[in-house]
């Protein structure tokens, strides 16, 4: 996140969620930079985290293991959003 604070802007952020503390990190990230699409990934057993991530502003979610086709589809969706 230091890069965001310095002014560098990624086109997309992929964030792995592995517990409630990561949701707090997502909240901070979204507070810092709302214009960069954030995609979150988590284990299927973490569905509550994934729903909460979408509620607080994640563009989309991926279920681990991440399939390349899913990542490409969601990346294209994110590109359309920022175009």
C-alpha atoms as a PDB file:
ATOM      1  CA  UNK A   1       0.000   0.000   0.000  1.00  0.00           C
ATOM      2  CA  UNK A   2       3.007   2.292   0.311  1.00  0.00           C
ATOM      3  CA  UNK A   3       3.015   2.663  -3.481  1.00  0.00           C
ATOM      4  CA  UNK A   4      -0.551   3.988  -3.395  1.00  0.00           C
ATOM      5  CA  UNK A   5       0.407   6.549  -0.792  1.00  0.00           C
ATOM      6  CA  UNK A   6       3.306   7.681  -3.018  1.00  0.00           C
ATOM      7  CA  UNK A   7       1.053   8.254  -6.014  1.00  0.00           C
ATOM      8  CA  UNK A   8       1.714   5.121  -8.089  1.00  0.00           C
ATOM      9  CA  UNK A   9      -1.583   3.747  -9.389  1.00  0.00           C
ATOM     10  CA  UNK A  10      -2.006   0.062 -10.236  1.00  0.00           C
ATOM     11  CA  UNK A  11      -4.679  -0.863 -12.762  1.00  0.00           C
ATOM     12  CA  UNK A  12      -5.958  -3.691 -10.578  1.00  0.00           C
ATOM     13  CA  UNK A  13      -5.364  -5.057  -7.076  1.00  0.00           C
ATOM     14  CA  UNK A  14      -5.714  -8.768  -6.327  1.00  0.00           C
ATOM     15  CA  UNK A  15      -5.956  -9.371  -2.592  1.00  0.00           C
ATOM     16  CA  UNK A  16      -5.937 -12.727  -0.842  1.00  0.00           C
ATOM     17  CA  UNK A  17      -8.276 -12.922   2.149  1.00  0.00           C
ATOM     18  CA  UNK A  18      -7.298 -15.300   4.898  1.00  0.00           C
ATOM     19  CA  UNK A  19      -9.268 -14.084   7.880  1.00  0.00           C
ATOM     20  CA  UNK A  20     -11.135 -11.177   9.398  1.00  0.00           C
ATOM     21  CA  UNK A  21      -7.933  -9.163   9.825  1.00  0.00           C
ATOM     22  CA  UNK A  22      -7.579  -9.105   6.042  1.00  0.00           C
ATOM     23  CA  UNK A  23     -11.012  -7.478   5.778  1.00  0.00           C
ATOM     24  CA  UNK A  24      -9.676  -4.650   7.905  1.00  0.00           C
ATOM     25  CA  UNK A  25      -6.771  -4.350   5.470  1.00  0.00           C
ATOM     26  CA  UNK A  26      -9.250  -4.225   2.595  1.00  0.00           C
ATOM     27  CA  UNK A  27     -11.153  -1.430   4.329  1.00  0.00           C
ATOM     28  CA  UNK A  28      -7.926   0.576   4.671  1.00  0.00           C
ATOM     29  CA  UNK A  29      -6.992  -0.098   1.059  1.00  0.00           C
ATOM     30  CA  UNK A  30     -10.386   1.038  -0.218  1.00  0.00           C
ATOM     31  CA  UNK A  31     -10.213   4.151   1.948  1.00  0.00           C
ATOM     32  CA  UNK A  32      -6.859   4.983   0.376  1.00  0.00           C
ATOM     33  CA  UNK A  33      -7.796   4.342  -3.234  1.00  0.00           C
ATOM     34  CA  UNK A  34     -11.372   3.827  -4.403  1.00  0.00           C
ATOM     35  CA  UNK A  35     -10.665   4.244  -8.128  1.00  0.00           C
ATOM     36  CA  UNK A  36      -8.522   1.089  -8.434  1.00  0.00           C
ATOM     37  CA  UNK A  37     -10.603  -2.083  -8.782  1.00  0.00           C
ATOM     38  CA  UNK A  38      -9.941  -4.621  -6.020  1.00  0.00           C
ATOM     39  CA  UNK A  39     -10.541  -8.311  -6.587  1.00  0.00           C
ATOM     40  CA  UNK A  40     -10.383 -10.592  -3.576  1.00  0.00           C
ATOM     41  CA  UNK A  41      -9.608 -14.282  -3.425  1.00  0.00           C
ATOM     42  CA  UNK A  42     -10.364 -16.735  -0.638  1.00  0.00           C
ATOM     43  CA  UNK A  43     -10.950 -20.360   0.147  1.00  0.00           C
ATOM     44  CA  UNK A  44     -14.496 -21.596  -0.537  1.00  0.00           C
ATOM     45  CA  UNK A  45     -14.982 -22.078   3.212  1.00  0.00           C
ATOM     46  CA  UNK A  46     -14.526 -18.307   3.702  1.00  0.00           C
ATOM     47  CA  UNK A  47     -17.791 -17.332   1.979  1.00  0.00           C
ATOM     48  CA  UNK A  48     -18.680 -14.907   4.784  1.00  0.00           C
ATOM     49  CA  UNK A  49     -15.425 -13.011   4.130  1.00  0.00           C
ATOM     50  CA  UNK A  50     -16.130 -12.907   0.413  1.00  0.00           C
ATOM     51  CA  UNK A  51     -19.651 -11.539   0.899  1.00  0.00           C
ATOM     52  CA  UNK A  52     -18.368  -8.898   3.303  1.00  0.00           C
ATOM     53  CA  UNK A  53     -15.578  -7.938   0.872  1.00  0.00           C
ATOM     54  CA  UNK A  54     -18.150  -7.336  -1.852  1.00  0.00           C
ATOM     55  CA  UNK A  55     -20.339  -5.366   0.541  1.00  0.00           C
ATOM     56  CA  UNK A  56     -17.514  -2.986   1.472  1.00  0.00           C
ATOM     57  CA  UNK A  57     -16.398  -2.391  -2.099  1.00  0.00           C
ATOM     58  CA  UNK A  58     -14.467  -5.213  -3.762  1.00  0.00           C
ATOM     59  CA  UNK A  59     -15.229  -5.369  -7.486  1.00  0.00           C
ATOM     60  CA  UNK A  60     -15.361  -9.145  -7.597  1.00  0.00           C
ATOM     61  CA  UNK A  61     -14.285 -12.332  -5.850  1.00  0.00           C
ATOM     62  CA  UNK A  62     -12.322 -15.395  -6.870  1.00  0.00           C
ATOM     63  CA  UNK A  63     -12.464 -18.774  -5.174  1.00  0.00           C
ATOM     64  CA  UNK A  64      -9.132 -20.491  -4.561  1.00  0.00           C
ATOM     65  CA  UNK A  65      -7.616 -22.260  -6.316  1.00  0.00           C
ATOM     66  CA  UNK A  66      -7.797 -19.458  -8.846  1.00  0.00           C
ATOM     67  CA  UNK A  67      -8.364 -20.554 -12.421  1.00  0.00           C
ATOM     68  CA  UNK A  68      -6.575 -18.514 -15.082  1.00  0.00           C
ATOM     69  CA  UNK A  69      -9.781 -18.210 -17.117  1.00  0.00           C
ATOM     70  CA  UNK A  70     -11.621 -16.674 -14.151  1.00  0.00           C
ATOM     71  CA  UNK A  71      -8.808 -14.220 -13.496  1.00  0.00           C
ATOM     72  CA  UNK A  72      -8.746 -13.171 -17.157  1.00  0.00           C
ATOM     73  CA  UNK A  73     -12.526 -12.636 -17.210  1.00  0.00           C
ATOM     74  CA  UNK A  74     -12.528 -10.563 -14.038  1.00  0.00           C
ATOM     75  CA  UNK A  75      -9.457  -8.596 -15.165  1.00  0.00           C
ATOM     76  CA  UNK A  76     -11.266  -7.685 -18.384  1.00  0.00           C
ATOM     77  CA  UNK A  77     -14.291  -6.580 -16.328  1.00  0.00           C
ATOM     78  CA  UNK A  78     -12.017  -4.401 -14.199  1.00  0.00           C
ATOM     79  CA  UNK A  79     -10.421  -2.884 -17.305  1.00  0.00           C
ATOM     80  CA  UNK A  80     -13.853  -1.953 -18.671  1.00  0.00           C
ATOM     81  CA  UNK A  81     -14.708  -0.295 -15.382  1.00  0.00           C
ATOM     82  CA  UNK A  82     -11.586   1.895 -15.380  1.00  0.00           C
ATOM     83  CA  UNK A  83     -11.689   2.743 -19.109  1.00  0.00           C
END
